[in-house]
Amino acid sequence: MRRQGSVLFLLAAACALCAAALSGCAAPPAAEVSKSLAPAGSSAAPAEGKIPVTTSSEEARKEFLQGRDMQERLLAQDSIQHFDKALALDPNFALAELGRANASQTAKEFFEHLQKAVDLSGKSSEGERLLILATQAGANGEALKQKEQLDKLVAANPNDERAHFQLGGYYFGQQDFAQAVQHYRKATELAPNYSPAYNILGYAYRQQGDYANAEQAFKKYIELIPNDPNPYDSYAELLLKMGRYEEAIAQYRKALSIDRNFVNSHNGIAAALLYSGKPEEAAAELKAISDGARSDGDRRTALFGMTVVDADGGKLDKALAEAEQQYALGEKIGDVAAMTGDLQLKGNILVEMGKYDEAKAQFDKLLKMTEESALSPEIKNNTRRFHHYNLVTVALGKKDFAGAKAEAEEYRKGAEESKNPNQLKLAHELAGMIALAEKDYDKALAELQQANQQNPQNLYRLSQAYRGKGDGAKAREFASKAAAFNSLPQLNYAFVRTKAQKMASDMKG
């Protein structure tokens, strides 16, 4: 499993950001970055070019490092007790608040602890402060500000594997995988036993289609921590991507044999079963998550997986009902960020169902709820911007091309103002969608080639544009790519997987 987490998924939906954009602002990895112990409020210089850990309590530091180690190994829920204990011992421990934020099982908790980390960052070292502010910028969708903070972090701490890991994560989120690989490799050179870098290095190679190097990285990850579940889960995800479903399931089962609560492996098994043509067995695997749920985060994972399975099978009414159940989880605790993410989910399903007015009502409710919330001004700005994106999808469904173009132009202007690379990709996506609907296939291709290529819907749209131009070979190529995207459960893949399979089959010969 790659470090992204359900909370960041919710933020992506709620704040109208691409999930990949947030992957670079995940919590810091858990291996020790420093043996230093600075008193609270001190400005002690980092030891040997590494980020210090600023706390007034040696016991708090030990708890923090234990929690961080668990978090790094993707055992976030198990890490919470250690972060909480560290904070009880030292309430001014900024880095512990950051760790607690990223271990949170709800978006509400994430924001609460992140804000506390920001408030305390002035009492920590400069490196810790930069790390906290980079996380805040990522959560707010401020990509340039996030990169600025991370560049400063690496410049000030050039020998810190964690700093390079974080900057690599930023590049990964921007789909600049070559740069991501450089920083992950640097992290492994600085600390050859630093396991998280091998994990994400494997994913970066995988995204480049370099499966041989990806497999080598994942096997090194297994070698370093063979008694942890995540190395087997990550390797299984590579096998899933390659269409080696039975082998993937075997690795996922190995992860679960180590930790039966490692719900992400159930999620992966469900995906492998679904793509093997066994949706009932996939649903049963997701039920195992729900039955053993330890938190609303686990419940959301199960419900979202079922939403995807049902959408993939064309059972959109059931998918919508499951999205409503997710909304109820957030409503129960007043988790606005989660609720707005669920409204986005419901709106997307309603668009796919052709219920455009109902979809617009969900999108309007999302915007209103965000505007009236205590979420940051940056998140509110992003949500206003993304509302134009949502309205384009509604207008296109109604074949209101003039309305779609007007909303797309508003989105484009906002994206250019933000200078967020992922938002700019979405602007090209909208332009490509409109051109495709108008059968302007040359323009559709030009725009969609600049859109997010890690979105299987865009791969399918490219296949449609090539088919419209009469280029059967290219149409089949991109339809095959979309059909065999083989991701963990995600809705945009569910919407096109079987359509892409049919197109690829129809275009043969």
Protein backbone atom coordinates (compact mmCIF):
# COMPACT_ATOMS: atom_id res chain seq x y z
CA MET A 1 0.00 0.00 0.00
CA ARG A 2 1.18 3.47 -0.81
CA ARG A 3 0.89 6.09 1.89
CA GLN A 4 -2.24 8.12 1.09
CA GLY A 5 -4.89 7.06 3.54
CA SER A 6 -8.63 7.46 3.68
CA VAL A 7 -8.41 10.88 5.30
CA LEU A 8 -6.44 12.28 2.38
CA PHE A 9 -8.89 10.67 -0.02
CA LEU A 10 -11.67 12.54 1.72
CA LEU A 11 -9.73 15.76 1.51
CA ALA A 12 -9.23 15.21 -2.18
CA ALA A 13 -12.94 14.91 -2.70
CA ALA A 14 -14.04 17.51 -0.20
CA CYS A 15 -11.55 20.15 -1.27
CA ALA A 16 -11.88 19.31 -4.96
CA LEU A 17 -8.25 18.31 -5.23
CA CYS A 18 -6.70 15.41 -7.05
CA ALA A 19 -5.77 12.59 -4.68
CA ALA A 20 -2.33 12.46 -6.23
CA ALA A 21 -1.76 16.07 -5.29
CA LEU A 22 -2.19 15.20 -1.66
CA SER A 23 -0.05 12.10 -1.62
CA GLY A 24 3.05 14.24 -1.22
CA CYS A 25 1.80 15.79 2.00
CA ALA A 26 1.31 12.62 3.96
CA ALA A 27 2.71 12.31 7.45
CA PRO A 28 6.45 11.94 7.80
CA PRO A 29 7.83 8.41 7.64
CA ALA A 30 8.49 6.76 10.92
CA ALA A 31 12.14 5.87 11.17
CA GLU A 32 14.15 8.11 13.45
CA VAL A 33 15.43 11.24 11.75
CA SER A 34 17.51 12.33 14.68
CA LYS A 35 18.86 11.27 18.03
CA SER A 36 18.68 14.85 19.22
CA LEU A 37 16.40 15.96 22.01
CA ALA A 38 15.89 19.72 22.18
CA PRO A 39 13.90 21.44 24.89
CA ALA A 40 10.54 22.90 23.90
CA GLY A 41 10.92 26.24 22.21
CA SER A 42 14.60 25.77 21.52
CA SER A 43 16.25 26.41 18.19
CA ALA A 44 18.87 23.72 18.41
CA ALA A 45 20.73 23.08 15.16
CA PRO A 46 19.91 19.80 13.44
CA ALA A 47 22.44 17.07 14.15
CA GLU A 48 24.44 16.03 11.10
CA GLY A 49 22.10 17.75 8.67
CA LYS A 50 19.00 15.96 9.96
CA ILE A 51 15.69 17.23 11.29
CA PRO A 52 15.65 17.27 15.10
CA VAL A 53 12.79 16.17 17.31
CA THR A 54 11.86 19.03 19.65
CA THR A 55 10.26 18.04 22.94
CA SER A 56 10.75 18.76 26.64
CA SER A 57 10.23 15.11 27.61
CA GLU A 58 12.47 12.14 26.89
CA GLU A 59 9.50 9.82 27.52
CA ALA A 60 7.35 11.81 25.09
CA ARG A 61 10.07 11.49 22.49
CA LYS A 62 10.22 7.72 22.93
CA GLU A 63 6.44 7.42 22.54
CA PHE A 64 6.53 9.66 19.49
CA LEU A 65 9.23 7.62 17.80
CA GLN A 66 7.35 4.41 18.51
CA GLY A 67 4.16 5.86 17.07
CA ARG A 68 6.00 7.22 14.08
CA ASP A 69 7.60 3.86 13.42
CA MET A 70 4.16 2.24 13.36
CA GLN A 71 2.76 4.98 11.16
CA GLU A 72 5.60 4.57 8.72
CA ARG A 73 4.80 0.88 8.48
CA LEU A 74 1.19 1.80 7.62
CA LEU A 75 -0.10 0.77 11.04
CA ALA A 76 -1.71 4.16 11.56
CA GLN A 77 -4.49 3.10 13.89
CA ASP A 78 -2.04 1.29 16.16
CA SER A 79 0.16 4.39 16.25
CA ILE A 80 -2.53 6.67 17.69
CA GLN A 81 -2.09 5.55 21.31
CA HIS A 82 1.61 6.44 21.18
CA PHE A 83 1.06 9.89 19.70
CA ASP A 84 -1.65 10.55 22.27
CA LYS A 85 0.67 9.50 25.10
CA ALA A 86 3.46 11.68 23.72
CA LEU A 87 1.10 14.65 23.68
CA ALA A 88 -0.08 13.94 27.22
CA LEU A 89 3.56 14.00 28.35
CA ASP A 90 4.35 17.14 26.32
CA PRO A 91 1.31 19.16 25.14
CA ASN A 92 3.64 21.48 23.17
CA PHE A 93 5.04 18.67 21.01
CA ALA A 94 4.34 19.98 17.50
CA LEU A 95 5.70 16.99 15.58
CA ALA A 96 3.56 14.62 17.66
CA GLU A 97 0.48 16.65 16.67
CA LEU A 98 1.49 16.27 13.03
CA GLY A 99 1.89 12.53 13.45
CA ARG A 100 -1.45 12.34 15.22
CA ALA A 101 -3.09 14.30 12.40
CA ASN A 102 -1.91 11.86 9.76
CA ALA A 103 -2.87 8.84 11.85
CA SER A 104 -6.43 10.17 12.18
CA GLN A 105 -9.27 7.99 11.00
CA THR A 106 -11.55 10.91 10.10
CA ALA A 107 -11.03 14.13 8.19
CA LYS A 108 -12.34 16.09 11.18
CA GLU A 109 -9.59 14.73 13.43
CA PHE A 110 -6.99 15.34 10.75
CA PHE A 111 -7.79 19.03 10.53
CA GLU A 112 -8.01 19.47 14.29
CA HIS A 113 -4.58 17.99 14.94
CA LEU A 114 -2.99 19.62 11.90
CA GLN A 115 -4.10 23.03 13.14
CA LYS A 116 -2.64 22.28 16.56
CA ALA A 117 0.65 21.32 14.89
CA VAL A 118 0.64 24.60 12.98
CA ASP A 119 -0.12 26.57 16.14
CA LEU A 120 2.79 24.87 17.95
CA SER A 121 5.24 24.99 15.05
CA GLY A 122 6.84 28.19 16.36
CA LYS A 123 8.03 26.23 19.40
CA SER A 124 9.84 23.63 17.30
CA SER A 125 12.93 23.62 15.10
CA GLU A 126 12.95 25.19 11.65
CA GLY A 127 12.98 21.77 10.00
CA GLU A 128 9.94 20.61 11.94
CA ARG A 129 8.17 23.89 11.19
CA LEU A 130 8.81 23.52 7.46
CA LEU A 131 7.52 19.95 7.54
CA ILE A 132 4.32 21.03 9.29
CA LEU A 133 3.74 23.99 6.99
CA ALA A 134 4.34 21.82 3.91
CA THR A 135 1.68 19.42 5.14
CA GLN A 136 -0.73 22.30 5.70
CA ALA A 137 -0.05 23.67 2.21
CA GLY A 138 -0.65 20.25 0.67
CA ALA A 139 -3.93 19.82 2.52
CA ASN A 140 -4.99 23.28 1.31
CA GLY A 141 -4.09 22.47 -2.29
CA GLU A 142 -1.32 25.08 -2.38
CA ALA A 143 1.12 23.08 -4.48
CA LEU A 144 3.66 25.84 -5.08
CA LYS A 145 3.77 26.75 -1.41
CA GLN A 146 4.12 23.09 -0.49
CA LYS A 147 7.07 22.67 -2.85
CA GLU A 148 8.68 25.88 -1.56
CA GLN A 149 8.58 24.57 2.01
CA LEU A 150 9.90 21.15 1.02
CA ASP A 151 12.73 22.64 -1.06
CA LYS A 152 13.78 24.65 1.99
CA LEU A 153 13.51 21.53 4.13
CA VAL A 154 15.87 19.57 1.88
CA ALA A 155 18.28 22.48 1.51
CA ALA A 156 18.51 22.87 5.28
CA ASN A 157 18.68 19.12 5.95
CA PRO A 158 20.50 17.62 2.94
CA ASN A 159 21.49 14.45 4.80
CA ASP A 160 18.00 13.65 6.04
CA GLU A 161 16.38 10.73 4.25
CA ARG A 162 13.00 11.87 5.46
CA ALA A 163 13.31 15.31 3.89
CA HIS A 164 14.11 13.73 0.53
CA PHE A 165 11.26 11.27 1.02
CA GLN A 166 8.82 14.13 1.52
CA LEU A 167 10.03 16.05 -1.54
CA GLY A 168 9.86 12.83 -3.54
CA GLY A 169 6.26 12.53 -2.40
CA TYR A 170 5.52 16.00 -3.75
CA TYR A 171 6.90 15.06 -7.17
CA PHE A 172 5.00 11.77 -7.07
CA GLY A 173 1.80 13.71 -6.48
CA GLN A 174 2.55 15.92 -9.47
CA GLN A 175 3.20 12.80 -11.58
CA ASP A 176 6.82 13.79 -12.12
CA PHE A 177 7.94 10.25 -11.42
CA ALA A 178 11.50 10.71 -12.66
CA GLN A 179 12.12 13.42 -10.04
CA ALA A 180 10.33 11.34 -7.42
CA VAL A 181 12.63 8.39 -8.15
CA GLN A 182 15.70 10.62 -7.72
CA HIS A 183 14.67 11.71 -4.24
CA TYR A 184 13.56 8.24 -3.13
CA ARG A 185 16.85 6.80 -4.32
CA LYS A 186 18.71 9.55 -2.48
CA ALA A 187 16.82 8.58 0.67
CA THR A 188 17.97 4.96 0.27
CA GLU A 189 21.56 6.10 -0.26
CA LEU A 190 21.47 8.18 2.92
CA ALA A 191 19.84 5.37 4.90
CA PRO A 192 20.07 1.97 3.18
CA ASN A 193 17.73 0.40 5.76
CA TYR A 194 15.08 3.12 5.45
CA SER A 195 12.23 0.89 4.32
CA PRO A 196 9.54 3.46 3.33
CA ALA A 197 11.70 4.80 0.51
CA TYR A 198 11.86 1.37 -1.13
CA ASN A 199 8.09 1.08 -0.86
CA ILE A 200 7.30 4.34 -2.66
CA LEU A 201 10.22 3.87 -5.02
CA GLY A 202 8.45 0.70 -6.16
CA TYR A 203 5.27 2.65 -6.80
CA ALA A 204 7.13 5.36 -8.72
CA TYR A 205 8.71 2.76 -10.98
CA ARG A 206 5.31 1.11 -11.38
CA GLN A 207 3.76 4.39 -12.51
CA GLN A 208 6.46 4.64 -15.16
CA GLY A 209 5.65 1.13 -16.37
CA ASP A 210 9.06 -0.11 -15.17
CA TYR A 211 7.76 -3.26 -13.53
CA ALA A 212 11.17 -4.94 -13.26
CA ASN A 213 12.64 -2.19 -11.09
CA ALA A 214 9.36 -1.88 -9.20
CA GLU A 215 9.50 -5.57 -8.30
CA GLN A 216 13.12 -5.24 -7.21
CA ALA A 217 12.25 -2.31 -4.93
CA PHE A 218 9.31 -4.13 -3.36
CA LYS A 219 11.39 -7.25 -2.76
CA LYS A 220 13.99 -5.12 -0.99
CA TYR A 221 11.16 -3.65 1.09
CA ILE A 222 10.10 -7.17 2.07
CA GLU A 223 13.69 -8.07 2.91
CA LEU A 224 13.99 -5.10 5.28
CA ILE A 225 10.80 -5.68 7.27
CA PRO A 226 9.66 -9.26 6.52
CA ASN A 227 7.39 -9.47 9.57
CA ASP A 228 5.25 -6.49 8.57
CA PRO A 229 2.11 -6.73 6.41
CA ASN A 230 2.60 -3.74 4.12
CA PRO A 231 5.59 -5.00 2.07
CA TYR A 232 3.51 -7.96 0.89
CA ASP A 233 0.51 -5.69 0.32
CA SER A 234 2.59 -3.33 -1.83
CA TYR A 235 4.08 -6.16 -3.87
CA ALA A 236 0.56 -7.53 -4.32
CA GLU A 237 -0.54 -4.19 -5.73
CA LEU A 238 2.17 -4.44 -8.39
CA LEU A 239 0.99 -7.95 -9.27
CA LEU A 240 -2.59 -6.64 -9.41
CA LYS A 241 -1.51 -3.92 -11.83
CA MET A 242 0.17 -6.53 -14.00
CA GLY A 243 -3.00 -8.63 -14.11
CA ARG A 244 -1.45 -11.48 -12.10
CA TYR A 245 -4.51 -11.76 -9.88
CA GLU A 246 -3.95 -15.11 -8.19
CA GLU A 247 -0.38 -14.19 -7.27
CA ALA A 248 -1.62 -10.85 -5.97
CA ILE A 249 -4.22 -12.53 -3.78
CA ALA A 250 -1.57 -14.85 -2.36
CA GLN A 251 0.57 -11.86 -1.32
CA TYR A 252 -2.43 -10.05 0.14
CA ARG A 253 -3.27 -13.18 2.16
CA LYS A 254 0.31 -13.26 3.42
CA ALA A 255 -0.09 -9.68 4.66
CA LEU A 256 -3.31 -10.65 6.47
CA SER A 257 -1.63 -13.68 8.02
CA ILE A 258 0.74 -11.23 9.71
CA ASP A 259 -1.95 -8.73 10.70
CA ARG A 260 -5.59 -9.69 10.28
CA ASN A 261 -6.58 -6.05 10.83
CA PHE A 262 -4.64 -4.83 7.81
CA VAL A 263 -7.83 -3.90 5.99
CA ASN A 264 -6.10 -2.58 2.89
CA SER A 265 -5.25 -6.13 1.92
CA HIS A 266 -8.91 -7.14 2.04
CA ASN A 267 -9.52 -4.17 -0.25
CA GLY A 268 -6.83 -5.39 -2.64
CA ILE A 269 -8.21 -8.93 -2.67
CA ALA A 270 -11.64 -7.51 -3.48
CA ALA A 271 -10.16 -5.67 -6.47
CA ALA A 272 -8.37 -8.79 -7.74
CA LEU A 273 -11.56 -10.82 -7.41
CA LEU A 274 -13.62 -8.16 -9.16
CA TYR A 275 -11.22 -7.98 -12.10
CA SER A 276 -11.22 -11.78 -12.24
CA GLY A 277 -14.97 -11.68 -12.85
CA LYS A 278 -15.98 -12.62 -9.29
CA PRO A 279 -17.96 -9.63 -7.94
CA GLU A 280 -19.84 -11.70 -5.34
CA GLU A 281 -16.58 -12.93 -3.83
CA ALA A 282 -15.25 -9.35 -3.94
CA ALA A 283 -18.29 -8.19 -1.96
CA ALA A 284 -17.71 -10.95 0.60
CA GLU A 285 -14.12 -9.80 1.07
CA LEU A 286 -15.29 -6.24 1.67
CA LYS A 287 -17.82 -7.50 4.19
CA ALA A 288 -14.89 -8.93 6.15
CA ILE A 289 -13.61 -5.36 6.56
CA SER A 290 -16.99 -4.17 7.78
CA ASP A 291 -17.43 -7.10 10.16
CA GLY A 292 -14.04 -6.49 11.77
CA ALA A 293 -14.12 -2.69 11.59
CA ARG A 294 -12.25 -0.95 14.39
CA SER A 295 -13.11 2.58 13.30
CA ASP A 296 -15.19 4.64 10.90
CA GLY A 297 -12.12 4.67 8.68
CA ASP A 298 -12.42 0.89 8.27
CA ARG A 299 -16.18 1.20 7.72
CA ARG A 300 -15.59 3.78 5.02
CA THR A 301 -13.07 1.54 3.29
CA ALA A 302 -15.63 -1.28 3.16
CA LEU A 303 -18.49 0.95 2.04
CA PHE A 304 -16.44 2.68 -0.62
CA GLY A 305 -15.23 -0.68 -1.92
CA MET A 306 -18.84 -1.86 -2.21
CA THR A 307 -19.75 1.39 -3.97
CA VAL A 308 -17.09 0.64 -6.56
CA VAL A 309 -18.07 -3.02 -6.97
CA ASP A 310 -21.69 -2.08 -7.55
CA ALA A 311 -20.83 0.79 -9.90
CA ASP A 312 -18.55 -1.54 -11.85
CA GLY A 313 -21.48 -3.95 -12.24
CA GLY A 314 -23.86 -1.21 -13.35
CA LYS A 315 -25.82 -1.29 -10.08
CA LEU A 316 -25.74 2.46 -9.66
CA ASP A 317 -28.79 2.62 -7.37
CA LYS A 318 -26.96 0.38 -4.88
CA ALA A 319 -23.77 2.39 -5.28
CA LEU A 320 -25.68 5.56 -4.48
CA ALA A 321 -27.21 3.98 -1.37
CA GLU A 322 -23.75 3.00 -0.15
CA ALA A 323 -22.49 6.53 -0.74
CA GLU A 324 -25.39 7.72 1.41
CA GLN A 325 -24.27 5.40 4.19
CA GLN A 326 -20.82 6.96 4.02
CA TYR A 327 -22.40 10.39 4.34
CA ALA A 328 -24.26 9.18 7.44
CA LEU A 329 -20.95 8.21 9.07
CA GLY A 330 -19.66 11.74 8.68
CA GLU A 331 -22.95 13.32 9.68
CA LYS A 332 -22.94 11.36 12.93
CA ILE A 333 -19.85 13.21 14.16
CA GLY A 334 -20.26 16.46 12.22
CA ASP A 335 -17.27 15.72 9.97
CA VAL A 336 -17.81 18.40 7.34
CA ALA A 337 -14.76 17.49 5.23
CA ALA A 338 -15.93 13.88 5.05
CA MET A 339 -19.54 14.85 4.34
CA THR A 340 -18.58 17.14 1.48
CA GLY A 341 -16.44 14.35 0.04
CA ASP A 342 -19.46 12.06 0.20
CA LEU A 343 -21.63 14.66 -1.54
CA GLN A 344 -19.04 14.76 -4.33
CA LEU A 345 -19.22 10.98 -4.52
CA LYS A 346 -23.02 11.00 -4.71
CA GLY A 347 -22.99 13.74 -7.34
CA ASN A 348 -20.56 11.78 -9.51
CA ILE A 349 -22.76 8.69 -9.36
CA LEU A 350 -25.87 10.72 -10.21
CA VAL A 351 -24.11 12.19 -13.25
CA GLU A 352 -23.27 8.66 -14.39
CA MET A 353 -26.95 7.74 -13.88
CA GLY A 354 -28.03 10.65 -16.06
CA LYS A 355 -29.80 12.37 -13.17
CA TYR A 356 -28.22 15.72 -13.79
CA ASP A 357 -30.52 17.97 -11.75
CA GLU A 358 -30.14 15.70 -8.73
CA ALA A 359 -26.38 15.69 -9.23
CA LYS A 360 -26.33 19.49 -9.34
CA ALA A 361 -28.29 19.58 -6.07
CA GLN A 362 -25.56 17.50 -4.41
CA PHE A 363 -22.82 19.69 -5.82
CA ASP A 364 -24.62 22.85 -4.69
CA LYS A 365 -25.06 21.39 -1.21
CA LEU A 366 -21.35 20.54 -1.12
CA LEU A 367 -20.43 24.14 -1.92
CA LYS A 368 -22.87 25.61 0.58
CA MET A 369 -21.72 23.27 3.36
CA THR A 370 -18.08 24.14 2.72
CA GLU A 371 -18.77 27.88 2.63
CA GLU A 372 -20.53 27.69 5.99
CA SER A 373 -17.87 25.49 7.61
CA ALA A 374 -14.76 26.24 9.63
CA LEU A 375 -12.53 24.79 6.89
CA SER A 376 -9.64 26.99 5.79
CA PRO A 377 -10.08 29.86 3.29
CA GLU A 378 -7.77 27.98 0.90
CA ILE A 379 -10.00 24.91 0.95
CA LYS A 380 -13.06 27.09 0.40
CA ASN A 381 -11.40 28.73 -2.59
CA ASN A 382 -10.54 25.34 -4.07
CA THR A 383 -14.09 24.13 -3.54
CA ARG A 384 -15.52 27.22 -5.27
CA ARG A 385 -13.17 26.57 -8.16
CA PHE A 386 -14.02 22.90 -8.42
CA HIS A 387 -17.73 23.71 -8.38
CA HIS A 388 -17.22 24.97 -11.92
CA TYR A 389 -15.75 21.56 -12.82
CA ASN A 390 -18.82 19.84 -11.42
CA LEU A 391 -21.15 22.15 -13.31
CA VAL A 392 -19.36 21.30 -16.56
CA THR A 393 -20.17 17.62 -16.06
CA VAL A 394 -23.84 18.50 -15.47
CA ALA A 395 -24.00 20.80 -18.50
CA LEU A 396 -22.36 18.21 -20.76
CA GLY A 397 -24.88 15.62 -19.62
CA LYS A 398 -27.66 17.98 -20.68
CA LYS A 399 -25.80 18.75 -23.97
CA ASP A 400 -25.62 22.40 -22.92
CA PHE A 401 -22.31 23.04 -24.64
CA ALA A 402 -22.44 26.81 -24.21
CA GLY A 403 -22.99 26.42 -20.48
CA ALA A 404 -20.23 23.82 -20.25
CA LYS A 405 -17.77 26.12 -22.02
CA ALA A 406 -18.61 29.05 -19.75
CA GLU A 407 -18.07 26.97 -16.60
CA ALA A 408 -14.89 25.41 -18.01
CA GLU A 409 -13.50 28.86 -18.71
CA GLU A 410 -14.15 29.93 -15.13
CA TYR A 411 -12.39 26.80 -13.91
CA ARG A 412 -9.44 27.38 -16.25
CA LYS A 413 -8.92 30.95 -15.04
CA GLY A 414 -8.96 29.80 -11.42
CA ALA A 415 -6.57 26.94 -12.12
CA GLU A 416 -4.11 29.24 -13.85
CA GLU A 417 -4.33 31.64 -10.95
CA SER A 418 -3.62 28.84 -8.48
CA LYS A 419 -0.65 27.54 -10.51
CA ASN A 420 -1.50 24.09 -9.12
CA PRO A 421 -0.28 21.58 -11.75
CA ASN A 422 -3.01 19.07 -10.97
CA GLN A 423 -5.72 21.69 -11.28
CA LEU A 424 -4.26 22.71 -14.63
CA LYS A 425 -4.50 19.08 -15.73
CA LEU A 426 -8.18 19.15 -14.80
CA ALA A 427 -8.66 22.27 -16.94
CA HIS A 428 -7.30 20.35 -19.93
CA GLU A 429 -9.54 17.44 -19.00
CA LEU A 430 -12.63 19.66 -19.13
CA ALA A 431 -11.62 21.15 -22.48
CA GLY A 432 -11.05 17.64 -23.83
CA MET A 433 -14.41 16.42 -22.56
CA ILE A 434 -16.20 19.32 -24.26
CA ALA A 435 -14.32 18.84 -27.54
CA LEU A 436 -15.09 15.12 -27.47
CA ALA A 437 -18.79 15.81 -26.93
CA GLU A 438 -18.73 18.21 -29.89
CA LYS A 439 -16.88 15.62 -32.00
CA ASP A 440 -13.86 17.88 -32.41
CA TYR A 441 -11.53 14.94 -32.15
CA ASP A 442 -8.26 16.73 -32.91
CA LYS A 443 -8.87 19.24 -30.13
CA ALA A 444 -10.04 16.48 -27.81
CA LEU A 445 -6.78 14.60 -28.32
CA ALA A 446 -4.66 17.71 -27.86
CA GLU A 447 -6.37 18.56 -24.57
CA LEU A 448 -6.74 15.07 -23.13
CA GLN A 449 -3.05 14.32 -23.72
CA GLN A 450 -2.34 17.14 -21.26
CA ALA A 451 -4.84 15.82 -18.71
CA ASN A 452 -4.17 13.37 -15.89
CA GLN A 453 -2.95 10.14 -17.47
CA GLN A 454 -3.43 8.30 -14.18
CA ASN A 455 -7.20 8.73 -14.55
CA PRO A 456 -8.56 5.74 -16.49
CA GLN A 457 -11.51 7.87 -17.64
CA ASN A 458 -9.08 10.04 -19.59
CA LEU A 459 -7.52 6.96 -21.18
CA TYR A 460 -10.99 5.86 -22.25
CA ARG A 461 -11.79 9.34 -23.55
CA LEU A 462 -8.59 9.24 -25.61
CA SER A 463 -9.70 5.91 -27.08
CA GLN A 464 -13.06 7.48 -28.01
CA ALA A 465 -11.32 10.42 -29.68
CA TYR A 466 -9.03 8.14 -31.69
CA ARG A 467 -12.02 6.04 -32.72
CA GLY A 468 -13.78 9.22 -33.84
CA LYS A 469 -10.79 10.05 -36.04
CA GLY A 470 -10.87 6.56 -37.50
CA ASP A 471 -7.56 5.47 -35.94
CA GLY A 472 -8.53 1.97 -34.84
CA ALA A 473 -5.06 0.94 -33.67
CA LYS A 474 -4.72 3.90 -31.29
CA ALA A 475 -8.32 3.54 -30.15
CA ARG A 476 -7.66 -0.09 -29.24
CA GLU A 477 -4.37 0.81 -27.53
CA PHE A 478 -5.95 3.35 -25.18
CA ALA A 479 -9.08 1.28 -24.62
CA SER A 480 -6.83 -1.60 -23.58
CA LYS A 481 -4.90 0.68 -21.22
CA ALA A 482 -8.12 1.87 -19.63
CA ALA A 483 -9.53 -1.66 -19.38
CA ALA A 484 -6.38 -3.03 -17.74
CA PHE A 485 -5.77 -0.09 -15.39
CA ASN A 486 -6.12 -2.56 -12.50
CA SER A 487 -6.08 -0.09 -9.62
CA LEU A 488 -7.34 -0.55 -6.12
CA PRO A 489 -11.09 0.23 -6.03
CA GLN A 490 -11.77 3.66 -7.47
CA LEU A 491 -14.97 5.04 -8.94
CA ASN A 492 -13.63 6.55 -12.14
CA TYR A 493 -12.26 3.14 -13.13
CA ALA A 494 -15.55 1.46 -12.27
CA PHE A 495 -17.37 3.83 -14.61
CA VAL A 496 -15.28 2.85 -17.67
CA ARG A 497 -13.73 -0.58 -17.09
CA THR A 498 -16.31 -2.74 -18.87
CA LYS A 499 -16.91 -0.09 -21.55
CA ALA A 500 -13.20 -0.01 -22.29
CA GLN A 501 -13.05 -3.81 -22.40
CA LYS A 502 -15.86 -3.85 -24.96
CA MET A 503 -14.24 -1.15 -27.08
CA ALA A 504 -10.88 -2.92 -27.05
CA SER A 505 -12.62 -6.13 -28.12
CA ASP A 506 -14.70 -4.42 -30.79
CA MET A 507 -11.66 -2.68 -32.29
CA LYS A 508 -9.72 -5.89 -32.80
CA GLY A 509 -9.07 -6.51 -36.43
